[in-house]
Each structure stands twice: as C-alpha cells, then as structure tokens.
Amino acid sequence: MMDKTKWQAFWKILKGRLFFAVILLGVCFIVTQWVLPLVHQPTSAITLDNVGSRQLLRLRKNFDSGSVHGLNMRIRGHLNGTAVMRLFDAENASKVYQEKIVGSGDVDTRMGGDWYSDDCRIEYEPLSATTGGLKVEYIFKSSKVKG
C-alpha cells in the first residue's frame, strides 16, 4: 500500500499530465475545426472537352462554406488555337468582371480575385481553337468557421 506522501506525489504528477492532455486536445480541436478550414479549402473542377464550340458554365460555392470573399480559378490544358474566357458577375449577366485570351499550345493561367457572390458564370468562346481540352479548377474563398 502507498503511504500518504507517495500518493500525493503520484496525484500531483497525474493532475499535471491530465491538464497537459486537456490543453493538447483543446488545441487539436481548435486547429481542426477553425484553423484548417480557413487555410485549406478544397478546389472543385470542371473539364471543357468540346473546345471548338462556345460554352457557358455556372460555378457555385460549396453548400456550407459561408460568406464568400474571393474566387480563385486556374485554367490548364492544351489548345490548338486561341479562345477567350469571360468571368461574369452572377447577378448582372451583361457585366464582364474579367476577360482573358487563352491558348495556343499549353495553357496555365489564372483568373479571379475579390468576389462576393455565391456563384459566377464563365463563358468560353473559341476564336481559332478547334481541338484540345481545358480544366477549370476553382475555389470560392470563404471565412466561415466549421462547427
């Protein structure tokens, strides 16, 4: 049987380790629930296979990603000619927010910036491109905390 001084020393060490474990679990919870969702938000993607014809795309944010404050798009692929990509404000169908000529050859370009809508429209219009393929990776940046 343990005497009183050994029991007190054991309990003091145990309380210290329990306190440290609770703090560590709390930090892990905060990092996984609040920090990681802000730092790492997964991208979505759309593939344009028929690059010889005009296409209109609508991109939407993830269902529960909160208030949007930015849009990042990366357009990659290959075209045998040129095309134009137009980013439209979702609420005003005639207002072009950004326009970029892409191609010819290997394509790796970016579009986007500050964005405060839950969706957007992209128009792809070939100028001289008839074959190839493009992949549009996009993410609506938001600051919502999961939980």
Protein backbone atom coordinates (compact mmCIF):
# COMPACT_ATOMS: atom_id res chain seq x y z
CA MET A 1 0.00 0.00 0.00
CA MET A 2 1.21 3.55 -0.79
CA ASP A 3 1.93 5.93 2.01
CA LYS A 4 0.44 9.43 2.01
CA THR A 5 3.49 11.26 0.55
CA LYS A 6 3.83 8.85 -2.37
CA TRP A 7 0.10 9.12 -3.05
CA GLN A 8 0.28 12.96 -3.04
CA ALA A 9 3.29 12.93 -5.40
CA PHE A 10 1.51 10.48 -7.73
CA TRP A 11 -1.68 12.60 -7.72
CA LYS A 12 0.31 15.81 -8.42
CA ILE A 13 2.00 14.21 -11.44
CA LEU A 14 -1.29 12.78 -12.66
CA LYS A 15 -3.05 16.17 -12.40
CA GLY A 16 -0.23 17.81 -14.35
CA ARG A 17 -0.42 15.24 -17.12
CA LEU A 18 -4.21 15.42 -17.26
CA PHE A 19 -4.06 19.22 -17.50
CA PHE A 20 -1.50 18.98 -20.31
CA ALA A 21 -3.63 16.35 -22.13
CA VAL A 22 -6.76 18.54 -21.90
CA ILE A 23 -4.85 21.56 -23.23
CA LEU A 24 -3.41 19.47 -26.07
CA LEU A 25 -6.85 18.11 -27.01
CA GLY A 26 -8.25 21.64 -26.95
CA VAL A 27 -5.52 22.90 -29.28
CA CYS A 28 -6.11 19.96 -31.63
CA PHE A 29 -9.84 20.72 -31.68
CA ILE A 30 -9.26 24.41 -32.43
CA VAL A 31 -6.81 23.63 -35.23
CA THR A 32 -9.05 21.05 -36.91
CA GLN A 33 -12.32 22.97 -36.55
CA TRP A 34 -11.26 26.58 -37.11
CA VAL A 35 -7.75 26.92 -38.49
CA LEU A 36 -7.59 24.16 -41.13
CA PRO A 37 -10.92 25.05 -42.79
CA LEU A 38 -9.63 28.60 -43.27
CA VAL A 39 -6.23 27.56 -44.59
CA HIS A 40 -7.15 24.55 -46.70
CA GLN A 41 -10.34 24.77 -48.70
CA PRO A 42 -10.65 22.06 -51.36
CA THR A 43 -10.95 23.03 -55.01
CA SER A 44 -13.63 21.98 -57.45
CA ALA A 45 -13.07 21.39 -61.17
CA ILE A 46 -14.87 21.43 -64.50
CA THR A 47 -13.44 19.96 -67.71
CA LEU A 48 -14.04 21.54 -71.12
CA ASP A 49 -13.67 18.78 -73.71
CA ASN A 50 -15.51 20.34 -76.65
CA VAL A 51 -13.24 23.37 -77.07
CA GLY A 52 -14.43 24.03 -80.62
CA SER A 53 -17.79 25.42 -79.52
CA ARG A 54 -18.96 28.23 -77.24
CA GLN A 55 -19.86 27.12 -73.70
CA LEU A 56 -21.47 28.83 -70.76
CA LEU A 57 -20.63 27.47 -67.29
CA ARG A 58 -22.03 28.28 -63.88
CA LEU A 59 -19.80 27.79 -60.87
CA ARG A 60 -21.22 27.62 -57.34
CA LYS A 61 -19.70 27.61 -53.89
CA ASN A 62 -19.81 24.54 -51.67
CA PHE A 63 -23.12 24.24 -49.82
CA ASP A 64 -21.96 25.16 -46.32
CA SER A 65 -18.85 27.24 -46.92
CA GLY A 66 -20.11 30.56 -45.52
CA SER A 67 -19.75 34.09 -46.83
CA VAL A 68 -17.65 34.34 -49.97
CA HIS A 69 -14.89 36.95 -50.21
CA GLY A 70 -12.82 35.71 -53.14
CA LEU A 71 -12.68 33.49 -56.21
CA ASN A 72 -9.55 31.73 -57.47
CA MET A 73 -9.59 29.93 -60.80
CA ARG A 74 -6.79 28.09 -62.55
CA ILE A 75 -7.25 27.13 -66.19
CA ARG A 76 -4.93 24.40 -67.51
CA GLY A 77 -4.77 22.25 -70.59
CA HIS A 78 -3.88 22.44 -74.25
CA LEU A 79 -5.47 24.23 -77.22
CA ASN A 80 -4.56 24.14 -80.90
CA GLY A 81 -5.69 27.77 -81.24
CA THR A 82 -6.88 30.65 -79.12
CA ALA A 83 -10.03 31.22 -77.13
CA VAL A 84 -11.40 33.82 -74.76
CA MET A 85 -12.65 33.18 -71.22
CA ARG A 86 -15.02 35.69 -69.66
CA LEU A 87 -15.97 35.82 -66.00
CA PHE A 88 -19.39 37.37 -65.41
CA ASP A 89 -20.99 38.79 -62.31
CA ALA A 90 -23.70 36.31 -61.35
CA GLU A 91 -26.31 38.99 -60.68
CA ASN A 92 -25.65 41.11 -63.79
CA ALA A 93 -25.45 38.86 -66.84
CA SER A 94 -24.09 41.62 -69.08
CA LYS A 95 -21.26 42.79 -66.79
CA VAL A 96 -17.93 41.17 -67.64
CA TYR A 97 -15.81 41.06 -64.49
CA GLN A 98 -12.69 39.69 -66.17
CA GLU A 99 -11.68 38.57 -69.65
CA LYS A 100 -8.63 36.58 -70.70
CA ILE A 101 -7.34 35.20 -74.00
CA VAL A 102 -6.01 31.63 -73.62
CA GLY A 103 -4.01 29.39 -75.94
CA SER A 104 -2.40 28.49 -78.30
CA GLY A 105 -0.47 25.48 -77.03
CA ASP A 106 -0.11 24.61 -73.36
CA VAL A 107 -2.39 26.70 -71.16
CA ASP A 108 -1.80 27.54 -67.49
CA THR A 109 -3.43 30.79 -66.43
CA ARG A 110 -5.39 32.20 -63.52
CA MET A 111 -8.50 34.33 -63.14
CA GLY A 112 -10.49 35.64 -60.21
CA GLY A 113 -9.86 37.97 -57.32
CA ASP A 114 -12.21 39.65 -54.88
CA TRP A 115 -15.65 38.07 -55.21
CA TYR A 116 -18.70 38.49 -53.01
CA SER A 117 -21.28 36.25 -54.64
CA ASP A 118 -22.08 32.56 -54.08
CA ASP A 119 -21.77 31.76 -57.77
CA CYS A 120 -20.48 33.08 -61.09
CA ARG A 121 -20.81 32.50 -64.80
CA ILE A 122 -17.97 31.73 -67.17
CA GLU A 123 -18.22 31.98 -70.92
CA TYR A 124 -15.76 30.07 -73.06
CA GLU A 125 -15.63 31.25 -76.68
CA PRO A 126 -13.20 29.74 -79.19
CA LEU A 127 -11.54 32.21 -81.52
CA SER A 128 -9.43 29.77 -83.55
CA ALA A 129 -9.31 26.71 -81.25
CA THR A 130 -10.93 23.55 -82.56
CA THR A 131 -9.24 20.76 -80.59
CA GLY A 132 -7.76 20.32 -77.15
CA GLY A 133 -9.06 20.31 -73.63
CA LEU A 134 -9.15 22.62 -70.64
CA LYS A 135 -9.67 22.01 -66.95
CA VAL A 136 -11.01 24.84 -64.78
CA GLU A 137 -10.13 24.40 -61.11
CA TYR A 138 -11.89 26.86 -58.84
CA ILE A 139 -12.47 27.73 -55.23
CA PHE A 140 -14.76 30.26 -53.65
CA LYS A 141 -12.75 31.64 -50.73
CA SER A 142 -14.80 31.97 -47.55
CA SER A 143 -14.13 32.73 -43.94
CA LYS A 144 -16.81 30.58 -42.36
CA VAL A 145 -15.72 28.51 -39.44
CA LYS A 146 -16.96 24.93 -39.47
CA GLY A 147 -18.57 23.67 -36.36
